[in-house]
């Protein structure tokens, strides 16, 4: 199993996104920013809900 990317790596690919954002919006933004498979996988595995800040995304990733 691959290692979870750190929050800084993930936020690098989510720059400019407007919060609140859904999981699908986060994944789409990361794809547009050229995120690698580990980052995309981490975002795709998030619970399907709205995230109100970068901190909420980072917390959800570290909890999964």
Protein backbone atom coordinates (compact mmCIF):
# COMPACT_ATOMS: atom_id res chain seq x y z
CA UNK A 1 0.00 0.00 0.00
CA UNK A 2 1.34 3.41 -0.87
CA UNK A 3 2.05 6.09 1.67
CA UNK A 4 -0.50 8.87 2.16
CA UNK A 5 0.78 12.10 0.64
CA UNK A 6 1.41 14.85 3.15
CA UNK A 7 -1.03 17.78 3.41
CA UNK A 8 1.42 20.22 1.83
CA UNK A 9 1.71 18.03 -1.28
CA UNK A 10 -2.06 17.82 -1.54
CA UNK A 11 -2.73 21.53 -0.98
CA UNK A 12 -0.19 22.36 -3.69
CA UNK A 13 -2.59 20.79 -6.22
CA UNK A 14 -5.69 22.46 -4.77
CA UNK A 15 -4.46 26.04 -5.03
CA UNK A 16 -7.13 28.54 -6.03
CA UNK A 17 -10.07 26.27 -5.22
CA UNK A 18 -13.12 27.92 -3.68
CA UNK A 19 -14.38 26.46 -0.42
CA UNK A 20 -16.72 24.89 0.45
CA UNK A 21 -15.84 22.23 -2.11
CA UNK A 22 -17.11 18.70 -2.67
CA UNK A 23 -14.86 15.66 -2.97
CA UNK A 24 -15.49 15.56 -6.73
CA UNK A 25 -14.49 19.22 -7.08
CA UNK A 26 -11.28 18.57 -5.13
CA UNK A 27 -10.40 15.59 -7.35
CA UNK A 28 -11.17 17.56 -10.52
CA UNK A 29 -9.01 20.49 -9.40
CA UNK A 30 -6.11 18.19 -8.48
CA UNK A 31 -6.32 16.49 -11.90
CA UNK A 32 -6.25 19.87 -13.65
CA UNK A 33 -3.18 20.80 -11.59
CA UNK A 34 -1.30 17.66 -12.60
CA UNK A 35 -1.54 15.76 -9.31
CA UNK A 36 0.08 12.34 -9.19
CA UNK A 37 -1.73 9.08 -8.53
CA UNK A 38 -1.10 9.10 -4.78
CA UNK A 39 -2.68 12.53 -4.34
CA UNK A 40 -5.64 11.66 -6.56
CA UNK A 41 -6.17 8.38 -4.75
CA UNK A 42 -6.12 10.11 -1.35
CA UNK A 43 -8.71 12.64 -2.53
CA UNK A 44 -10.90 10.01 -4.20
CA UNK A 45 -11.00 8.04 -0.94
CA UNK A 46 -12.36 10.98 1.05
CA UNK A 47 -15.95 10.79 2.33
CA UNK A 48 -18.38 12.31 -0.20
CA UNK A 49 -19.25 15.60 1.48
CA UNK A 50 -18.43 19.30 1.36
CA UNK A 51 -15.15 20.47 2.84
CA UNK A 52 -15.10 24.03 4.14
CA UNK A 53 -11.34 24.63 4.25
CA UNK A 54 -7.94 23.21 3.35
CA UNK A 55 -7.61 22.13 7.00
CA UNK A 56 -10.81 20.07 6.73
CA UNK A 57 -9.40 18.29 3.66
CA UNK A 58 -6.08 17.60 5.39
CA UNK A 59 -7.84 16.27 8.50
CA UNK A 60 -10.07 13.98 6.47
CA UNK A 61 -7.09 12.58 4.56
CA UNK A 62 -5.11 11.88 7.71
CA UNK A 63 -8.19 10.17 9.23
CA UNK A 64 -8.72 7.85 6.28
